[in-house]
């Protein structure tokens, strides 16, 4: 997941980063100040989307990227791009091309 911007509520965003990563207050502030930066490494899609939701609720701007083809994954249940995945895996397994249904 990529933190794209600090937003207007930096204190809440720092707390959200601490919650997601377990970093110290200082390290969380440095991470927020160096945006755009990856907050989590390739992880389960649901965990990355939940982390992005926590950051967005705190006023920060976050984007979830497919760990296979680096395309942006939206938070709605529809493909980002109808084009097939450019990665070496079958298009049916790409998270950006075929996101799971959300409630």
PDB file of N, CA and C in Angstrom:
ATOM      1  N   UNK A   1       0.839  -1.163   0.000  1.00  0.00           N
ATOM      2  CA  UNK A   1       0.000   0.000   0.000  1.00  0.00           C
ATOM      3  C   UNK A   1       0.888   1.231   0.000  1.00  0.00           C
ATOM      4  N   UNK A   2       0.475   2.226  -0.728  1.00  0.00           N
ATOM      5  CA  UNK A   2       1.269   3.433  -0.924  1.00  0.00           C
ATOM      6  C   UNK A   2       0.583   4.609  -0.253  1.00  0.00           C
ATOM      7  N   UNK A   3       1.308   5.311   0.611  1.00  0.00           N
ATOM      8  CA  UNK A   3       0.833   6.563   1.206  1.00  0.00           C
ATOM      9  C   UNK A   3       1.183   7.649   0.216  1.00  0.00           C
ATOM     10  N   UNK A   4       0.165   8.287  -0.357  1.00  0.00           N
ATOM     11  CA  UNK A   4       0.418   9.258  -1.416  1.00  0.00           C
ATOM     12  C   UNK A   4       0.491  10.689  -0.919  1.00  0.00           C
ATOM     13  N   UNK A   5      -0.075  10.971   0.244  1.00  0.00           N
ATOM     14  CA  UNK A   5      -0.017  12.322   0.770  1.00  0.00           C
ATOM     15  C   UNK A   5      -0.437  12.370   2.223  1.00  0.00           C
ATOM     16  N   UNK A   6       0.035  13.382   2.960  1.00  0.00           N
ATOM     17  CA  UNK A   6      -0.253  13.450   4.391  1.00  0.00           C
ATOM     18  C   UNK A   6      -1.671  13.906   4.725  1.00  0.00           C
ATOM     19  N   UNK A   7      -2.331  14.614   3.829  1.00  0.00           N
ATOM     20  CA  UNK A   7      -3.658  15.126   4.137  1.00  0.00           C
ATOM     21  C   UNK A   7      -3.575  16.323   5.056  1.00  0.00           C
ATOM     22  N   UNK A   8      -4.698  16.733   5.589  1.00  0.00           N
ATOM     23  CA  UNK A   8      -4.725  17.932   6.413  1.00  0.00           C
ATOM     24  C   UNK A   8      -4.733  17.648   7.913  1.00  0.00           C
ATOM     25  N   UNK A   9      -4.857  16.391   8.311  1.00  0.00           N
ATOM     26  CA  UNK A   9      -4.849  16.027   9.737  1.00  0.00           C
ATOM     27  C   UNK A   9      -3.628  15.151  10.025  1.00  0.00           C
ATOM     28  N   UNK A  10      -2.466  15.780  10.083  1.00  0.00           N
ATOM     29  CA  UNK A  10      -1.207  15.036  10.194  1.00  0.00           C
ATOM     30  C   UNK A  10      -1.115  14.226  11.482  1.00  0.00           C
ATOM     31  N   UNK A  11      -1.591  14.761  12.591  1.00  0.00           N
ATOM     32  CA  UNK A  11      -1.498  14.041  13.858  1.00  0.00           C
ATOM     33  C   UNK A  11      -2.271  12.736  13.802  1.00  0.00           C
ATOM     34  N   UNK A  12      -3.478  12.777  13.264  1.00  0.00           N
ATOM     35  CA  UNK A  12      -4.273  11.562  13.134  1.00  0.00           C
ATOM     36  C   UNK A  12      -3.650  10.592  12.145  1.00  0.00           C
ATOM     37  N   UNK A  13      -3.053  11.113  11.077  1.00  0.00           N
ATOM     38  CA  UNK A  13      -2.392  10.258  10.088  1.00  0.00           C
ATOM     39  C   UNK A  13      -1.189   9.553  10.709  1.00  0.00           C
ATOM     40  N   UNK A  14      -0.431  10.257  11.553  1.00  0.00           N
ATOM     41  CA  UNK A  14       0.721   9.638  12.226  1.00  0.00           C
ATOM     42  C   UNK A  14       0.244   8.518  13.144  1.00  0.00           C
ATOM     43  N   UNK A  15      -0.830   8.753  13.863  1.00  0.00           N
ATOM     44  CA  UNK A  15      -1.380   7.702  14.733  1.00  0.00           C
ATOM     45  C   UNK A  15      -1.831   6.496  13.909  1.00  0.00           C
ATOM     46  N   UNK A  16      -2.434   6.754  12.755  1.00  0.00           N
ATOM     47  CA  UNK A  16      -2.878   5.653  11.891  1.00  0.00           C
ATOM     48  C   UNK A  16      -1.689   4.855  11.372  1.00  0.00           C
ATOM     49  N   UNK A  17      -0.616   5.541  11.004  1.00  0.00           N
ATOM     50  CA  UNK A  17       0.590   4.848  10.536  1.00  0.00           C
ATOM     51  C   UNK A  17       1.162   3.984  11.656  1.00  0.00           C
ATOM     52  N   UNK A  18       1.179   4.518  12.866  1.00  0.00           N
ATOM     53  CA  UNK A  18       1.669   3.742  14.018  1.00  0.00           C
ATOM     54  C   UNK A  18       0.822   2.497  14.226  1.00  0.00           C
ATOM     55  N   UNK A  19      -0.494   2.635  14.078  1.00  0.00           N
ATOM     56  CA  UNK A  19      -1.394   1.499  14.249  1.00  0.00           C
ATOM     57  C   UNK A  19      -1.135   0.422  13.203  1.00  0.00           C
ATOM     58  N   UNK A  20      -0.937   0.844  11.978  1.00  0.00           N
ATOM     59  CA  UNK A  20      -0.746  -0.100  10.874  1.00  0.00           C
ATOM     60  C   UNK A  20       0.620  -0.770  10.931  1.00  0.00           C
ATOM     61  N   UNK A  21       1.672   0.015  11.182  1.00  0.00           N
ATOM     62  CA  UNK A  21       3.034  -0.501  11.067  1.00  0.00           C
ATOM     63  C   UNK A  21       3.683  -0.909  12.378  1.00  0.00           C
ATOM     64  N   UNK A  22       3.236  -0.330  13.486  1.00  0.00           N
ATOM     65  CA  UNK A  22       3.873  -0.599  14.769  1.00  0.00           C
ATOM     66  C   UNK A  22       5.146   0.212  14.973  1.00  0.00           C
ATOM     67  N   UNK A  23       5.387   1.203  14.108  1.00  0.00           N
ATOM     68  CA  UNK A  23       6.576   2.046  14.231  1.00  0.00           C
ATOM     69  C   UNK A  23       6.426   3.032  15.382  1.00  0.00           C
ATOM     70  N   UNK A  24       7.539   3.620  15.782  1.00  0.00           N
ATOM     71  CA  UNK A  24       7.513   4.643  16.822  1.00  0.00           C
ATOM     72  C   UNK A  24       6.868   5.917  16.285  1.00  0.00           C
ATOM     73  N   UNK A  25       6.572   6.831  17.189  1.00  0.00           N
ATOM     74  CA  UNK A  25       5.985   8.109  16.800  1.00  0.00           C
ATOM     75  C   UNK A  25       6.910   8.860  15.853  1.00  0.00           C
ATOM     76  N   UNK A  26       8.190   8.895  16.169  1.00  0.00           N
ATOM     77  CA  UNK A  26       9.172   9.596  15.340  1.00  0.00           C
ATOM     78  C   UNK A  26       9.263   8.977  13.947  1.00  0.00           C
ATOM     79  N   UNK A  27       9.392   7.659  13.888  1.00  0.00           N
ATOM     80  CA  UNK A  27       9.500   6.983  12.596  1.00  0.00           C
ATOM     81  C   UNK A  27       8.216   7.137  11.770  1.00  0.00           C
ATOM     82  N   UNK A  28       7.072   7.133  12.443  1.00  0.00           N
ATOM     83  CA  UNK A  28       5.805   7.332  11.736  1.00  0.00           C
ATOM     84  C   UNK A  28       5.733   8.726  11.139  1.00  0.00           C
ATOM     85  N   UNK A  29       6.212   9.727  11.876  1.00  0.00           N
ATOM     86  CA  UNK A  29       6.220  11.097  11.371  1.00  0.00           C
ATOM     87  C   UNK A  29       7.165  11.214  10.173  1.00  0.00           C
ATOM     88  N   UNK A  30       8.337  10.596  10.262  1.00  0.00           N
ATOM     89  CA  UNK A  30       9.280  10.623   9.140  1.00  0.00           C
ATOM     90  C   UNK A  30       8.685   9.959   7.908  1.00  0.00           C
ATOM     91  N   UNK A  31       7.980   8.868   8.114  1.00  0.00           N
ATOM     92  CA  UNK A  31       7.340   8.160   7.007  1.00  0.00           C
ATOM     93  C   UNK A  31       6.271   9.037   6.356  1.00  0.00           C
ATOM     94  N   UNK A  32       5.469   9.708   7.179  1.00  0.00           N
ATOM     95  CA  UNK A  32       4.431  10.591   6.652  1.00  0.00           C
ATOM     96  C   UNK A  32       5.041  11.759   5.885  1.00  0.00           C
ATOM     97  N   UNK A  33       6.125  12.317   6.409  1.00  0.00           N
ATOM     98  CA  UNK A  33       6.766  13.459   5.758  1.00  0.00           C
ATOM     99  C   UNK A  33       7.453  13.089   4.447  1.00  0.00           C
ATOM    100  N   UNK A  34       7.751  11.808   4.247  1.00  0.00           N
ATOM    101  CA  UNK A  34       8.439  11.389   3.027  1.00  0.00           C
ATOM    102  C   UNK A  34       7.469  10.852   1.968  1.00  0.00           C
ATOM    103  N   UNK A  35       6.172  11.123   2.114  1.00  0.00           N
ATOM    104  CA  UNK A  35       5.176  10.653   1.140  1.00  0.00           C
ATOM    105  C   UNK A  35       5.470  11.228  -0.240  1.00  0.00           C
ATOM    106  N   UNK A  36       5.290  10.498  -1.310  1.00  0.00           N
ATOM    107  CA  UNK A  36       4.709   9.158  -1.418  1.00  0.00           C
ATOM    108  C   UNK A  36       5.720   8.076  -1.041  1.00  0.00           C
ATOM    109  N   UNK A  37       5.249   7.140  -0.250  1.00  0.00           N
ATOM    110  CA  UNK A  37       6.095   6.063   0.245  1.00  0.00           C
ATOM    111  C   UNK A  37       5.238   4.828   0.501  1.00  0.00           C
ATOM    112  N   UNK A  38       5.855   3.657   0.349  1.00  0.00           N
ATOM    113  CA  UNK A  38       5.140   2.404   0.619  1.00  0.00           C
ATOM    114  C   UNK A  38       5.035   2.204   2.123  1.00  0.00           C
ATOM    115  N   UNK A  39       3.825   1.970   2.596  1.00  0.00           N
ATOM    116  CA  UNK A  39       3.591   1.739   4.017  1.00  0.00           C
ATOM    117  C   UNK A  39       3.685   0.254   4.337  1.00  0.00           C
ATOM    118  N   UNK A  40       3.089  -0.572   3.506  1.00  0.00           N
ATOM    119  CA  UNK A  40       3.162  -2.013   3.712  1.00  0.00           C
ATOM    120  C   UNK A  40       3.743  -2.659   2.468  1.00  0.00           C
ATOM    121  N   UNK A  41       4.415  -3.722   2.674  1.00  0.00           N
ATOM    122  CA  UNK A  41       4.948  -4.509   1.572  1.00  0.00           C
ATOM    123  C   UNK A  41       3.818  -5.359   1.004  1.00  0.00           C
ATOM    124  N   UNK A  42       4.074  -6.084  -0.094  1.00  0.00           N
ATOM    125  CA  UNK A  42       3.010  -6.929  -0.635  1.00  0.00           C
ATOM    126  C   UNK A  42       2.374  -7.769   0.460  1.00  0.00           C
ATOM    127  N   UNK A  43       1.084  -7.688   0.540  1.00  0.00           N
ATOM    128  CA  UNK A  43       0.332  -8.298   1.622  1.00  0.00           C
ATOM    129  C   UNK A  43      -0.995  -8.779   1.049  1.00  0.00           C
ATOM    130  N   UNK A  44      -1.797  -9.364   1.861  1.00  0.00           N
ATOM    131  CA  UNK A  44      -3.123  -9.744   1.411  1.00  0.00           C
ATOM    132  C   UNK A  44      -3.882  -8.498   1.013  1.00  0.00           C
ATOM    133  N   UNK A  45      -4.622  -8.578  -0.038  1.00  0.00           N
ATOM    134  CA  UNK A  45      -5.369  -7.444  -0.559  1.00  0.00           C
ATOM    135  C   UNK A  45      -6.302  -6.859   0.496  1.00  0.00           C
ATOM    136  N   UNK A  46      -6.969  -7.705   1.239  1.00  0.00           N
ATOM    137  CA  UNK A  46      -7.924  -7.230   2.237  1.00  0.00           C
ATOM    138  C   UNK A  46      -7.208  -6.424   3.323  1.00  0.00           C
ATOM    139  N   UNK A  47      -6.040  -6.872   3.757  1.00  0.00           N
ATOM    140  CA  UNK A  47      -5.285  -6.148   4.780  1.00  0.00           C
ATOM    141  C   UNK A  47      -4.816  -4.796   4.256  1.00  0.00           C
ATOM    142  N   UNK A  48      -4.388  -4.758   3.008  1.00  0.00           N
ATOM    143  CA  UNK A  48      -3.949  -3.491   2.421  1.00  0.00           C
ATOM    144  C   UNK A  48      -5.116  -2.531   2.277  1.00  0.00           C
ATOM    145  N   UNK A  49      -6.279  -3.026   1.877  1.00  0.00           N
ATOM    146  CA  UNK A  49      -7.442  -2.163   1.746  1.00  0.00           C
ATOM    147  C   UNK A  49      -7.920  -1.664   3.107  1.00  0.00           C
ATOM    148  N   UNK A  50      -7.842  -2.508   4.130  1.00  0.00           N
ATOM    149  CA  UNK A  50      -8.209  -2.071   5.473  1.00  0.00           C
ATOM    150  C   UNK A  50      -7.249  -0.998   5.965  1.00  0.00           C
ATOM    151  N   UNK A  51      -5.957  -1.175   5.721  1.00  0.00           N
ATOM    152  CA  UNK A  51      -4.961  -0.182   6.122  1.00  0.00           C
ATOM    153  C   UNK A  51      -5.188   1.135   5.382  1.00  0.00           C
ATOM    154  N   UNK A  52      -5.525   1.063   4.105  1.00  0.00           N
ATOM    155  CA  UNK A  52      -5.821   2.275   3.344  1.00  0.00           C
ATOM    156  C   UNK A  52      -7.055   2.969   3.905  1.00  0.00           C
ATOM    157  N   UNK A  53      -8.030   2.201   4.331  1.00  0.00           N
ATOM    158  CA  UNK A  53      -9.224   2.774   4.946  1.00  0.00           C
ATOM    159  C   UNK A  53      -8.910   3.482   6.249  1.00  0.00           C
ATOM    160  N   UNK A  54      -8.016   2.905   7.059  1.00  0.00           N
ATOM    161  CA  UNK A  54      -7.611   3.535   8.319  1.00  0.00           C
ATOM    162  C   UNK A  54      -6.908   4.854   8.039  1.00  0.00           C
ATOM    163  N   UNK A  55      -6.000   4.859   7.064  1.00  0.00           N
ATOM    164  CA  UNK A  55      -5.293   6.095   6.723  1.00  0.00           C
ATOM    165  C   UNK A  55      -6.238   7.149   6.171  1.00  0.00           C
ATOM    166  N   UNK A  56      -7.160   6.751   5.313  1.00  0.00           N
ATOM    167  CA  UNK A  56      -8.100   7.716   4.742  1.00  0.00           C
ATOM    168  C   UNK A  56      -9.036   8.274   5.809  1.00  0.00           C
ATOM    169  N   UNK A  57      -9.416   7.447   6.785  1.00  0.00           N
ATOM    170  CA  UNK A  57     -10.253   7.927   7.882  1.00  0.00           C
ATOM    171  C   UNK A  57      -9.502   8.940   8.741  1.00  0.00           C
ATOM    172  N   UNK A  58      -8.172   8.840   8.758  1.00  0.00           N
ATOM    173  CA  UNK A  58      -7.344   9.772   9.513  1.00  0.00           C
ATOM    174  C   UNK A  58      -6.988  11.007   8.704  1.00  0.00           C
ATOM    175  N   UNK A  59      -7.478  11.096   7.481  1.00  0.00           N
ATOM    176  CA  UNK A  59      -7.250  12.277   6.660  1.00  0.00           C
ATOM    177  C   UNK A  59      -6.095  12.172   5.692  1.00  0.00           C
ATOM    178  N   UNK A  60      -5.376  11.066   5.685  1.00  0.00           N
ATOM    179  CA  UNK A  60      -4.252  10.881   4.754  1.00  0.00           C
ATOM    180  C   UNK A  60      -4.784  10.331   3.433  1.00  0.00           C
ATOM    181  N   UNK A  61      -3.946  10.356   2.426  1.00  0.00           N
ATOM    182  CA  UNK A  61      -4.314   9.837   1.112  1.00  0.00           C
ATOM    183  C   UNK A  61      -3.511   8.559   0.875  1.00  0.00           C
ATOM    184  N   UNK A  62      -4.204   7.468   0.551  1.00  0.00           N
ATOM    185  CA  UNK A  62      -3.541   6.183   0.361  1.00  0.00           C
ATOM    186  C   UNK A  62      -4.038   5.505  -0.906  1.00  0.00           C
ATOM    187  N   UNK A  63      -3.176   4.694  -1.484  1.00  0.00           N
ATOM    188  CA  UNK A  63      -3.494   3.944  -2.689  1.00  0.00           C
ATOM    189  C   UNK A  63      -3.041   2.507  -2.499  1.00  0.00           C
ATOM    190  N   UNK A  64      -3.856   1.568  -2.926  1.00  0.00           N
ATOM    191  CA  UNK A  64      -3.485   0.154  -2.881  1.00  0.00           C
ATOM    192  C   UNK A  64      -3.027  -0.232  -4.282  1.00  0.00           C
ATOM    193  N   UNK A  65      -1.832  -0.816  -4.364  1.00  0.00           N
ATOM    194  CA  UNK A  65      -1.275  -1.234  -5.642  1.00  0.00           C
ATOM    195  C   UNK A  65      -1.259  -2.750  -5.731  1.00  0.00           C
ATOM    196  N   UNK A  66      -1.503  -3.262  -6.928  1.00  0.00           N
ATOM    197  CA  UNK A  66      -1.391  -4.696  -7.172  1.00  0.00           C
ATOM    198  C   UNK A  66       0.076  -5.084  -7.018  1.00  0.00           C
ATOM    199  N   UNK A  67       0.335  -6.115  -6.239  1.00  0.00           N
ATOM    200  CA  UNK A  67       1.724  -6.520  -6.036  1.00  0.00           C
ATOM    201  C   UNK A  67       2.276  -7.328  -7.209  1.00  0.00           C
ATOM    202  N   UNK A  68       1.452  -7.557  -8.216  1.00  0.00           N
ATOM    203  CA  UNK A  68       1.919  -8.280  -9.393  1.00  0.00           C
ATOM    204  C   UNK A  68       2.212  -7.357 -10.557  1.00  0.00           C
ATOM    205  N   UNK A  69       1.324  -6.388 -10.798  1.00  0.00           N
ATOM    206  CA  UNK A  69       1.498  -5.556 -11.993  1.00  0.00           C
ATOM    207  C   UNK A  69       1.586  -4.062 -11.667  1.00  0.00           C
ATOM    208  N   UNK A  70       1.539  -3.698 -10.410  1.00  0.00           N
ATOM    209  CA  UNK A  70       1.664  -2.316  -9.934  1.00  0.00           C
ATOM    210  C   UNK A  70       0.561  -1.383 -10.424  1.00  0.00           C
ATOM    211  N   UNK A  71      -0.591  -1.928 -10.810  1.00  0.00           N
ATOM    212  CA  UNK A  71      -1.726  -1.072 -11.145  1.00  0.00           C
ATOM    213  C   UNK A  71      -2.492  -0.764  -9.867  1.00  0.00           C
ATOM    214  N   UNK A  72      -3.184   0.360  -9.851  1.00  0.00           N
ATOM    215  CA  UNK A  72      -3.970   0.767  -8.697  1.00  0.00           C
ATOM    216  C   UNK A  72      -5.220  -0.095  -8.578  1.00  0.00           C
ATOM    217  N   UNK A  73      -5.505  -0.520  -7.358  1.00  0.00           N
ATOM    218  CA  UNK A  73      -6.698  -1.306  -7.081  1.00  0.00           C
ATOM    219  C   UNK A  73      -7.706  -0.385  -6.409  1.00  0.00           C
ATOM    220  N   UNK A  74      -8.894  -0.303  -6.986  1.00  0.00           N
ATOM    221  CA  UNK A  74      -9.924   0.538  -6.398  1.00  0.00           C
ATOM    222  C   UNK A  74     -10.570  -0.185  -5.229  1.00  0.00           C
ATOM    223  N   UNK A  75     -11.299   0.559  -4.429  1.00  0.00           N
ATOM    224  CA  UNK A  75     -11.946  -0.025  -3.261  1.00  0.00           C
ATOM    225  C   UNK A  75     -13.349  -0.503  -3.574  1.00  0.00           C
ATOM    226  N   UNK A  76     -13.714  -0.533  -4.844  1.00  0.00           N
ATOM    227  CA  UNK A  76     -15.012  -1.056  -5.250  1.00  0.00           C
ATOM    228  C   UNK A  76     -14.785  -2.361  -5.999  1.00  0.00           C
ATOM    229  N   UNK A  77     -15.813  -3.151  -6.086  1.00  0.00           N
ATOM    230  CA  UNK A  77     -15.684  -4.476  -6.704  1.00  0.00           C
ATOM    231  C   UNK A  77     -15.835  -4.402  -8.218  1.00  0.00           C
ATOM    232  N   UNK A  78     -14.839  -3.846  -8.872  1.00  0.00           N
ATOM    233  CA  UNK A  78     -14.829  -3.832 -10.336  1.00  0.00           C
ATOM    234  C   UNK A  78     -13.374  -3.754 -10.796  1.00  0.00           C
ATOM    235  N   UNK A  79     -13.083  -4.209 -11.976  1.00  0.00           N
ATOM    236  CA  UNK A  79     -11.700  -4.141 -12.450  1.00  0.00           C
ATOM    237  C   UNK A  79     -11.237  -2.692 -12.607  1.00  0.00           C
ATOM    238  N   UNK A  80      -9.959  -2.459 -12.367  1.00  0.00           N
ATOM    239  CA  UNK A  80      -9.371  -1.139 -12.548  1.00  0.00           C
ATOM    240  C   UNK A  80      -9.262  -0.836 -14.026  1.00  0.00           C
ATOM    241  N   UNK A  81      -8.800  -1.789 -14.755  1.00  0.00           N
ATOM    242  CA  UNK A  81      -8.507  -1.605 -16.159  1.00  0.00           C
ATOM    243  C   UNK A  81      -8.930  -2.880 -16.876  1.00  0.00           C
ATOM    244  N   UNK A  82      -9.728  -2.785 -17.925  1.00  0.00           N
ATOM    245  CA  UNK A  82     -10.154  -4.012 -18.600  1.00  0.00           C
ATOM    246  C   UNK A  82      -9.025  -4.722 -19.338  1.00  0.00           C
ATOM    247  N   UNK A  83      -7.898  -4.053 -19.517  1.00  0.00           N
ATOM    248  CA  UNK A  83      -6.766  -4.693 -20.190  1.00  0.00           C
ATOM    249  C   UNK A  83      -6.218  -5.808 -19.306  1.00  0.00           C
ATOM    250  N   UNK A  84      -5.667  -6.845 -19.904  1.00  0.00           N
ATOM    251  CA  UNK A  84      -5.117  -7.936 -19.104  1.00  0.00           C
ATOM    252  C   UNK A  84      -3.879  -7.500 -18.333  1.00  0.00           C
ATOM    253  N   UNK A  85      -3.581  -8.229 -17.304  1.00  0.00           N
ATOM    254  CA  UNK A  85      -2.413  -7.977 -16.460  1.00  0.00           C
ATOM    255  C   UNK A  85      -1.138  -8.072 -17.301  1.00  0.00           C
ATOM    256  N   UNK A  86      -0.216  -7.161 -17.039  1.00  0.00           N
ATOM    257  CA  UNK A  86       1.043  -7.180 -17.781  1.00  0.00           C
ATOM    258  C   UNK A  86       2.102  -8.023 -17.094  1.00  0.00           C
ATOM    259  N   UNK A  87       1.765  -8.610 -15.960  1.00  0.00           N
ATOM    260  CA  UNK A  87       2.716  -9.456 -15.235  1.00  0.00           C
ATOM    261  C   UNK A  87       2.820 -10.830 -15.868  1.00  0.00           C
ATOM    262  N   UNK A  88       3.699 -11.658 -15.354  1.00  0.00           N
ATOM    263  CA  UNK A  88       3.904 -12.989 -15.931  1.00  0.00           C
ATOM    264  C   UNK A  88       2.863 -14.015 -15.490  1.00  0.00           C
ATOM    265  N   UNK A  89       1.866 -13.619 -14.700  1.00  0.00           N
ATOM    266  CA  UNK A  89       0.877 -14.544 -14.185  1.00  0.00           C
ATOM    267  C   UNK A  89      -0.370 -14.517 -15.039  1.00  0.00           C
ATOM    268  N   UNK A  90      -1.222 -15.510 -14.903  1.00  0.00           N
ATOM    269  CA  UNK A  90      -2.470 -15.523 -15.673  1.00  0.00           C
ATOM    270  C   UNK A  90      -3.342 -14.327 -15.288  1.00  0.00           C
ATOM    271  N   UNK A  91      -3.967 -13.672 -16.250  1.00  0.00           N
ATOM    272  CA  UNK A  91      -4.795 -12.496 -15.970  1.00  0.00           C
ATOM    273  C   UNK A  91      -5.905 -12.759 -14.962  1.00  0.00           C
ATOM    274  N   UNK A  92      -6.409 -13.979 -14.899  1.00  0.00           N
ATOM    275  CA  UNK A  92      -7.497 -14.291 -13.971  1.00  0.00           C
ATOM    276  C   UNK A  92      -7.051 -14.235 -12.511  1.00  0.00           C
ATOM    277  N   UNK A  93      -5.754 -14.283 -12.247  1.00  0.00           N
ATOM    278  CA  UNK A  93      -5.263 -14.240 -10.871  1.00  0.00           C
ATOM    279  C   UNK A  93      -4.754 -12.872 -10.464  1.00  0.00           C
ATOM    280  N   UNK A  94      -4.709 -11.930 -11.383  1.00  0.00           N
ATOM    281  CA  UNK A  94      -4.249 -10.580 -11.075  1.00  0.00           C
ATOM    282  C   UNK A  94      -5.284  -9.876 -10.209  1.00  0.00           C
ATOM    283  N   UNK A  95      -4.866  -9.285  -9.106  1.00  0.00           N
ATOM    284  CA  UNK A  95      -5.792  -8.616  -8.192  1.00  0.00           C
ATOM    285  C   UNK A  95      -6.356  -7.338  -8.785  1.00  0.00           C
ATOM    286  N   UNK A  96      -5.606  -6.665  -9.647  1.00  0.00           N
ATOM    287  CA  UNK A  96      -6.108  -5.435 -10.250  1.00  0.00           C
ATOM    288  C   UNK A  96      -7.133  -5.733 -11.339  1.00  0.00           C
ATOM    289  N   UNK A  97      -6.965  -6.829 -12.053  1.00  0.00           N
ATOM    290  CA  UNK A  97      -7.903  -7.177 -13.117  1.00  0.00           C
ATOM    291  C   UNK A  97      -9.175  -7.822 -12.572  1.00  0.00           C
ATOM    292  N   UNK A  98      -9.050  -8.595 -11.517  1.00  0.00           N
ATOM    293  CA  UNK A  98     -10.184  -9.327 -10.965  1.00  0.00           C
ATOM    294  C   UNK A  98     -10.241  -9.163  -9.449  1.00  0.00           C
ATOM    295  N   UNK A  99     -10.592  -7.967  -8.943  1.00  0.00           N
ATOM    296  CA  UNK A  99     -10.647  -7.800  -7.492  1.00  0.00           C
ATOM    297  C   UNK A  99     -11.773  -8.625  -6.905  1.00  0.00           C
ATOM    298  N   UNK A 100     -11.639  -9.025  -5.639  1.00  0.00           N
ATOM    299  CA  UNK A 100     -12.718  -9.802  -5.015  1.00  0.00           C
ATOM    300  C   UNK A 100     -13.930  -8.923  -4.775  1.00  0.00           C
ATOM    301  N   UNK A 101     -15.078  -9.550  -4.668  1.00  0.00           N
ATOM    302  CA  UNK A 101     -16.303  -8.805  -4.397  1.00  0.00           C
ATOM    303  C   UNK A 101     -16.232  -8.245  -2.978  1.00  0.00           C
ATOM    304  N   UNK A 102     -16.678  -7.004  -2.815  1.00  0.00           N
ATOM    305  CA  UNK A 102     -16.726  -6.389  -1.487  1.00  0.00           C
ATOM    306  C   UNK A 102     -18.157  -6.146  -1.099  1.00  0.00           C
ATOM    307  N   UNK A 103     -18.391  -6.087   0.191  1.00  0.00           N
ATOM    308  CA  UNK A 103     -19.752  -5.846   0.679  1.00  0.00           C
ATOM    309  C   UNK A 103     -20.034  -4.380   0.805  1.00  0.00           C
TER     310      UNK A 103
END
